[in-house]
Amino acid sequence: MKVKAIFNRDGGTFRTTDMETYGRKVEEVFRAAGHEIEIAVVAPGDIPQALETACRRDDLDAIVAGGGDGTISAAAGVAWRTGMPLGVIPAGTMNLFARSLKLPLDIWKVPEVLANGRIIDGDIGSADGRAFVHQFSMGLHARMVRYRQSYTFASRPGKIGASVRAAIGVIFNPPDFEIEFDADGHRESRHVSQISVSNNHFGHATLMYAEDVTAGHLGFYTAPPLSPAGVAKLASDILRGRFRASPLITEMSALAVDLHFPKVDRKINCVIDGELLPIKRRDVALRVHPGELKLLVGAE
């Protein structure tokens, strides 16, 4: 197998890693497993072009992307469009998709798992055509990310500290908005503080990530308008891996979810795989694409 590895040099753990030494280690592991591999350590701004170029080469059998959740999400979107198999080296803070794929979270251990792994047909979600491997969300999560981005941090501990400050800010200022939705033909209107639509259901006793990326559906979760005490309770449930068991969460399963915002009179945001993005229309179409993302994972 011929592989191209693209590493975000500023992606989380990679910032403090000797990337020359790390690249030699990855080459050694893949070649010992009988593969050819090229390695590129790339600046964040050059990641999209590097991914596009690699995925359109006809002499490659797979790419491996290394970085945080944003890098992995971008790589998955390009791999999905081009049909290129994707391997993941988790170098970020949460590494949620790597957890879903049951990969080691240690950047020094995961290359051997990938080099001796297999390719599976995984699922990927989309929001108005934009790919997501983890989730689309609005409300509490989007507000927290917006608050966090207003703080300055330059390290993983700094990001965690900023996230804690942002979470406290959201507890005392929770959103409340109206949605109309159609989930596989089930139509309803609700007032909510949070919407999450995940690429397959989150696990029952985990942080908010899927335990199976091949089940072929979306998880659709809403929380009603919450008081500060309610937001604190939901945050506690999430941290204890009890998001789906929380009495504050209503859960559905669907292949397609269409959202409509009937009373939008100002700028609203969503979060797609950790990235804060503006919603420019009153409607969002969410879909799952079963088996359309080829993934390099560990041996069965």
Protein backbone atom coordinates (compact mmCIF):
# COMPACT_ATOMS: atom_id res chain seq x y z
CA MET A 1 0.00 0.00 0.00
CA LYS A 2 1.28 3.48 -0.86
CA VAL A 3 0.32 6.14 1.69
CA LYS A 4 0.67 9.90 2.02
CA ALA A 5 0.74 11.28 5.57
CA ILE A 6 -0.14 14.94 6.12
CA PHE A 7 0.55 16.35 9.59
CA ASN A 8 -0.64 19.73 10.86
CA ARG A 9 2.54 21.07 12.46
CA ASP A 10 0.53 23.26 14.86
CA GLY A 11 -2.08 20.59 15.65
CA GLY A 12 -2.24 20.10 19.41
CA THR A 13 0.42 17.60 20.51
CA PHE A 14 2.44 18.21 17.34
CA ARG A 15 3.30 21.75 18.53
CA THR A 16 5.59 20.28 21.19
CA THR A 17 6.76 17.24 19.22
CA ASP A 18 10.05 16.93 17.33
CA MET A 19 8.36 16.35 13.99
CA GLU A 20 11.56 15.20 12.28
CA THR A 21 11.96 12.40 14.79
CA TYR A 22 8.27 11.62 14.66
CA GLY A 23 8.28 11.44 10.86
CA ARG A 24 11.19 8.98 10.91
CA LYS A 25 9.30 6.82 13.41
CA VAL A 26 6.16 6.75 11.24
CA GLU A 27 8.22 5.87 8.15
CA GLU A 28 9.96 3.07 10.02
CA VAL A 29 6.67 1.56 11.23
CA PHE A 30 4.90 1.69 7.87
CA ARG A 31 7.88 0.34 5.93
CA ALA A 32 8.29 -2.51 8.42
CA ALA A 33 4.66 -3.43 7.64
CA GLY A 34 5.44 -3.50 3.90
CA HIS A 35 4.06 -0.10 2.87
CA GLU A 36 5.48 2.90 1.06
CA ILE A 37 4.85 6.21 2.80
CA GLU A 38 5.47 9.89 2.08
CA ILE A 39 5.29 12.39 4.95
CA ALA A 40 4.52 16.10 4.77
CA VAL A 41 4.52 18.38 7.83
CA VAL A 42 2.30 21.27 6.79
CA ALA A 43 1.35 24.71 8.14
CA PRO A 44 -2.32 25.01 9.14
CA GLY A 45 -3.18 27.32 6.25
CA ASP A 46 -1.76 24.85 3.73
CA ILE A 47 -3.67 21.81 5.03
CA PRO A 48 -6.73 22.08 2.71
CA GLN A 49 -4.62 22.26 -0.47
CA ALA A 50 -2.31 19.47 0.70
CA LEU A 51 -5.32 17.23 1.35
CA GLU A 52 -6.93 18.02 -2.00
CA THR A 53 -3.72 17.36 -3.89
CA ALA A 54 -3.05 14.05 -2.13
CA CYS A 55 -6.60 12.76 -2.47
CA ARG A 56 -6.61 13.37 -6.21
CA ARG A 57 -3.43 11.39 -6.86
CA ASP A 58 -4.05 8.10 -8.63
CA ASP A 59 -0.89 6.44 -7.28
CA LEU A 60 -1.97 6.50 -3.61
CA ASP A 61 -3.94 3.84 -1.78
CA ALA A 62 -4.69 5.92 1.33
CA ILE A 63 -3.89 9.12 3.18
CA VAL A 64 -3.17 9.57 6.88
CA ALA A 65 -4.09 12.90 8.48
CA GLY A 66 -2.58 14.01 11.78
CA GLY A 67 -3.84 16.88 13.92
CA GLY A 68 -6.79 18.00 15.99
CA ASP A 69 -10.48 17.40 15.35
CA GLY A 70 -10.60 20.27 12.84
CA THR A 71 -7.81 18.78 10.72
CA ILE A 72 -9.39 15.33 10.86
CA SER A 73 -12.81 16.69 9.90
CA ALA A 74 -11.33 18.56 6.92
CA ALA A 75 -9.47 15.44 5.81
CA ALA A 76 -12.62 13.34 6.08
CA GLY A 77 -14.56 15.78 3.93
CA VAL A 78 -11.97 15.62 1.14
CA ALA A 79 -11.56 11.84 1.46
CA TRP A 80 -15.34 11.39 1.24
CA ARG A 81 -15.63 13.46 -1.93
CA THR A 82 -12.74 11.70 -3.65
CA GLY A 83 -13.19 8.15 -2.35
CA MET A 84 -9.71 8.07 -0.80
CA PRO A 85 -9.30 5.86 2.33
CA LEU A 86 -8.38 7.88 5.42
CA GLY A 87 -6.30 7.03 8.47
CA VAL A 88 -6.25 9.26 11.56
CA ILE A 89 -3.45 10.24 13.95
CA PRO A 90 -5.08 12.07 16.88
CA ALA A 91 -2.99 15.04 18.03
CA GLY A 92 -5.77 17.31 19.33
CA THR A 93 -7.45 18.00 22.67
CA MET A 94 -10.51 15.73 22.54
CA ASN A 95 -9.78 13.48 19.52
CA LEU A 96 -13.41 12.43 19.37
CA PHE A 97 -13.38 10.73 15.97
CA ALA A 98 -10.26 8.74 16.89
CA ARG A 99 -12.11 7.56 20.00
CA SER A 100 -15.02 6.46 17.80
CA LEU A 101 -12.56 4.48 15.66
CA LYS A 102 -11.09 2.89 18.82
CA LEU A 103 -7.59 4.10 17.98
CA PRO A 104 -4.87 4.74 20.57
CA LEU A 105 -4.75 8.39 21.61
CA ASP A 106 -0.95 8.26 21.91
CA ILE A 107 0.59 9.63 18.69
CA TRP A 108 3.56 7.26 19.09
CA LYS A 109 1.39 4.14 19.30
CA VAL A 110 -1.24 4.77 16.63
CA PRO A 111 1.06 4.46 13.55
CA GLU A 112 1.65 0.76 14.23
CA VAL A 113 -2.11 0.16 14.56
CA LEU A 114 -2.76 1.87 11.22
CA ALA A 115 0.16 0.21 9.45
CA ASN A 116 -1.17 -3.21 10.40
CA GLY A 117 -4.84 -2.28 10.06
CA ARG A 118 -7.67 -2.70 7.57
CA ILE A 119 -10.00 -0.49 5.54
CA ILE A 120 -13.69 -0.34 6.46
CA ASP A 121 -16.70 1.44 4.98
CA GLY A 122 -17.70 4.07 7.55
CA ASP A 123 -20.50 6.63 7.70
CA ILE A 124 -20.23 10.39 7.38
CA GLY A 125 -22.78 13.14 7.98
CA SER A 126 -23.40 16.36 6.09
CA ALA A 127 -25.00 19.72 6.88
CA ASP A 128 -26.12 21.43 3.68
CA GLY A 129 -23.46 19.37 1.91
CA ARG A 130 -20.62 20.16 4.35
CA ALA A 131 -19.19 16.97 5.80
CA PHE A 132 -19.00 16.18 9.50
CA VAL A 133 -17.62 13.08 11.19
CA HIS A 134 -18.68 13.96 14.73
CA GLN A 135 -21.59 16.36 15.13
CA PHE A 136 -23.51 19.44 14.09
CA SER A 137 -24.70 21.47 17.06
CA MET A 138 -26.40 24.74 18.00
CA GLY A 139 -27.33 26.54 21.17
CA LEU A 140 -25.30 25.92 24.32
CA HIS A 141 -22.34 24.38 22.50
CA ALA A 142 -22.12 27.13 19.87
CA ARG A 143 -22.33 29.83 22.52
CA MET A 144 -19.59 28.16 24.55
CA VAL A 145 -17.28 27.94 21.52
CA ARG A 146 -17.98 31.60 20.71
CA TYR A 147 -17.12 32.62 24.27
CA ARG A 148 -13.98 30.46 24.25
CA GLN A 149 -12.73 32.05 21.03
CA SER A 150 -12.90 35.46 22.69
CA TYR A 151 -10.17 34.34 25.12
CA THR A 152 -6.46 34.09 24.32
CA PHE A 153 -4.66 30.76 24.77
CA ALA A 154 -1.63 29.12 23.17
CA SER A 155 -1.53 25.61 24.62
CA ARG A 156 -3.73 22.63 25.39
CA PRO A 157 -3.99 23.54 29.11
CA GLY A 158 -4.82 27.09 28.03
CA LYS A 159 -7.58 25.83 25.76
CA ILE A 160 -9.00 23.70 28.56
CA GLY A 161 -8.95 26.69 30.92
CA ALA A 162 -10.67 28.87 28.30
CA SER A 163 -13.29 26.17 27.82
CA VAL A 164 -14.03 26.12 31.56
CA ARG A 165 -14.42 29.91 31.62
CA ALA A 166 -16.68 29.76 28.55
CA ALA A 167 -18.81 27.00 30.08
CA ILE A 168 -19.34 29.09 33.22
CA GLY A 169 -20.39 32.02 31.04
CA VAL A 170 -22.95 29.86 29.22
CA ILE A 171 -24.36 28.51 32.49
CA PHE A 172 -25.36 32.04 33.47
CA ASN A 173 -26.56 33.03 29.98
CA PRO A 174 -28.18 29.99 28.31
CA PRO A 175 -29.79 30.40 24.86
CA ASP A 176 -33.48 29.80 24.17
CA PHE A 177 -34.74 29.57 20.58
CA GLU A 178 -37.49 28.00 18.50
CA ILE A 179 -36.99 25.28 15.91
CA GLU A 180 -39.20 23.35 13.53
CA PHE A 181 -37.87 20.02 12.35
CA ASP A 182 -38.65 17.07 10.12
CA ALA A 183 -36.88 13.86 11.15
CA ASP A 184 -37.69 11.13 8.62
CA GLY A 185 -41.21 12.53 8.23
CA HIS A 186 -41.84 13.25 11.92
CA ARG A 187 -42.60 16.98 12.10
CA GLU A 188 -42.57 19.02 15.28
CA SER A 189 -41.88 22.47 16.76
CA ARG A 190 -39.87 22.97 19.94
CA HIS A 191 -38.26 25.65 22.07
CA VAL A 192 -34.73 24.48 22.90
CA SER A 193 -31.46 25.47 24.46
CA GLN A 194 -29.42 22.88 22.55
CA ILE A 195 -29.52 20.80 19.36
CA SER A 196 -26.99 18.08 18.56
CA VAL A 197 -27.05 15.94 15.41
CA SER A 198 -24.37 13.26 15.45
CA ASN A 199 -22.86 10.92 12.88
CA ASN A 200 -24.37 7.80 14.52
CA HIS A 201 -25.59 7.81 18.12
CA PHE A 202 -23.29 8.85 20.91
CA GLY A 203 -22.26 6.04 23.25
CA HIS A 204 -24.27 5.24 26.37
CA ALA A 205 -21.39 5.64 28.81
CA THR A 206 -18.88 7.86 27.02
CA LEU A 207 -18.14 11.46 26.29
CA MET A 208 -20.13 12.71 23.31
CA TYR A 209 -18.73 10.46 20.58
CA ALA A 210 -20.14 7.51 18.66
CA GLU A 211 -19.08 3.97 19.56
CA ASP A 212 -19.94 2.68 16.07
CA VAL A 213 -19.39 4.64 12.84
CA THR A 214 -21.03 2.01 10.63
CA ALA A 215 -24.61 1.92 12.01
CA GLY A 216 -25.95 4.17 9.24
CA HIS A 217 -28.01 6.81 11.06
CA LEU A 218 -27.99 10.23 12.69
CA GLY A 219 -28.49 10.76 16.40
CA PHE A 220 -30.81 13.75 16.95
CA TYR A 221 -30.77 15.26 20.46
CA THR A 222 -32.51 18.32 21.89
CA ALA A 223 -32.58 19.95 25.31
CA PRO A 224 -35.50 22.21 26.36
CA PRO A 225 -35.01 25.81 27.52
CA LEU A 226 -32.72 25.51 30.54
CA SER A 227 -32.14 27.61 33.64
CA PRO A 228 -28.57 28.07 34.90
CA ALA A 229 -29.13 25.12 37.25
CA GLY A 230 -30.35 23.03 34.33
CA VAL A 231 -27.27 23.86 32.24
CA ALA A 232 -25.03 22.92 35.16
CA LYS A 233 -26.89 19.60 35.53
CA LEU A 234 -26.53 18.85 31.81
CA ALA A 235 -22.81 19.71 31.92
CA SER A 236 -22.40 17.33 34.84
CA ASP A 237 -24.20 14.56 32.93
CA ILE A 238 -21.94 15.09 29.89
CA LEU A 239 -18.74 14.99 31.96
CA ARG A 240 -19.90 11.75 33.61
CA GLY A 241 -20.58 10.16 30.21
CA ARG A 242 -24.34 10.24 30.82
CA PHE A 243 -25.48 12.59 28.07
CA ARG A 244 -27.93 10.11 26.55
CA ALA A 245 -29.22 9.11 29.98
CA SER A 246 -29.82 12.70 31.07
CA PRO A 247 -33.50 13.45 31.78
CA LEU A 248 -32.91 16.81 30.06
CA ILE A 249 -32.22 15.19 26.67
CA THR A 250 -34.78 14.00 24.11
CA GLU A 251 -33.32 11.57 21.61
CA MET A 252 -34.36 10.43 18.14
CA SER A 253 -32.76 8.44 15.32
CA ALA A 254 -33.07 9.43 11.67
CA LEU A 255 -31.51 9.23 8.23
CA ALA A 256 -32.46 12.83 7.44
CA VAL A 257 -33.17 15.83 9.68
CA ASP A 258 -34.37 19.15 8.23
CA LEU A 259 -34.22 22.13 10.58
CA HIS A 260 -36.10 25.41 10.16
CA PHE A 261 -35.70 28.51 12.32
CA PRO A 262 -38.96 30.47 12.09
CA LYS A 263 -37.95 33.49 14.17
CA VAL A 264 -34.39 34.27 13.20
CA ASP A 265 -33.89 38.01 13.42
CA ARG A 266 -30.14 38.12 14.07
CA LYS A 267 -26.93 36.25 13.29
CA ILE A 268 -26.91 32.68 14.55
CA ASN A 269 -24.08 30.16 14.71
CA CYS A 270 -23.57 26.43 14.61
CA VAL A 271 -20.61 24.21 15.42
CA ILE A 272 -19.51 21.54 12.95
CA ASP A 273 -16.84 19.20 14.33
CA GLY A 274 -15.63 21.90 16.71
CA GLU A 275 -15.59 24.78 14.20
CA LEU A 276 -17.87 27.76 14.84
CA LEU A 277 -19.70 28.73 11.64
CA PRO A 278 -22.48 31.21 10.78
CA ILE A 279 -25.86 29.94 9.59
CA LYS A 280 -26.82 32.06 6.63
CA ARG A 281 -30.29 30.66 5.96
CA ARG A 282 -33.32 29.69 8.01
CA ASP A 283 -33.05 26.05 6.93
CA VAL A 284 -30.40 23.38 7.40
CA ALA A 285 -30.53 19.92 5.79
CA LEU A 286 -28.68 17.19 7.72
CA ARG A 287 -28.02 13.78 6.18
CA VAL A 288 -26.11 10.59 6.89
CA HIS A 289 -24.19 8.87 4.11
CA PRO A 290 -23.83 5.22 5.14
CA GLY A 291 -20.65 3.43 4.13
CA GLU A 292 -19.38 6.31 1.98
CA LEU A 293 -16.24 7.15 3.99
CA LYS A 294 -13.42 4.61 3.66
CA LEU A 295 -11.45 4.43 6.89
CA LEU A 296 -8.11 2.88 7.82
CA VAL A 297 -8.59 1.38 11.28
CA GLY A 298 -7.01 -1.25 13.51
CA ALA A 299 -7.02 -4.95 12.69
CA GLU A 300 -10.25 -6.72 13.53
